[in-house]
Amino acid sequence: MHPGCTGSPRSPSLCVWMGKMALFLGEFEHQIDDKNRLSIPARFREQCLKEPDATLAVIAGFDPCLYIVPARSMEELRALLSLQRTEWNELARAFRLKLSSYGNTATPDAQGRVCLTDKQKQYAGLERKVMVVGNLDRIEVWDPERYQQHLGKPDAMNMEMGDLASMFLRGTFPDTRER
């Protein structure tokens, strides 16, 4: 475990530095200030600042939330999308456009804050109070009510961890998209 990254009874968070990859775990209640700045929790900030480039990408998440990732992750995604020749597929182009139009890059300021755009806040339904949640390789920013609803979904969130892990390892997740 990386020195200085420990949990506490109030916030049982743990962040681990593994090679060159940050691991984000835990959840924190935070606020967006009047200038649309969000303070990255100190434990997550430590991980982000250890990257060779501390620039972060803020993008629309697949759920109604925002993802915050090291900018190098976006470079990897861009390279993958380029290899996939996505310009020939209408849905792939729509995905790229939405990903790009809701995104921005930011380097945390001296207090560890990043600016969110109005468009990002609207997409995720964010107002002042937010939940900042570690999800392994990314940070997620949620409206507290939407986050609780997401955790309370009767499907995958309530399945036993072993069952979810088994499906993941076998690659047998059912299609859960609403039709």
Foldseek 3Di string as FASTA:
>chain_A
DDPPAQADPVWRWGWDCDPLATWGATKDKWWQDPQQKTADPPNVQVSLVSHPDSKWKWWQDPALWIKIARVVVVVVVVVVLVVVVQVVPPVSVVVVVRRVVLMDMFHQDPRRIGHHDPSSCVSQVHDTIWMWGTDTRIIIIHDVVVVVVVCPDPPPNPDDPVVVVVCVVVVNDDDPDDD
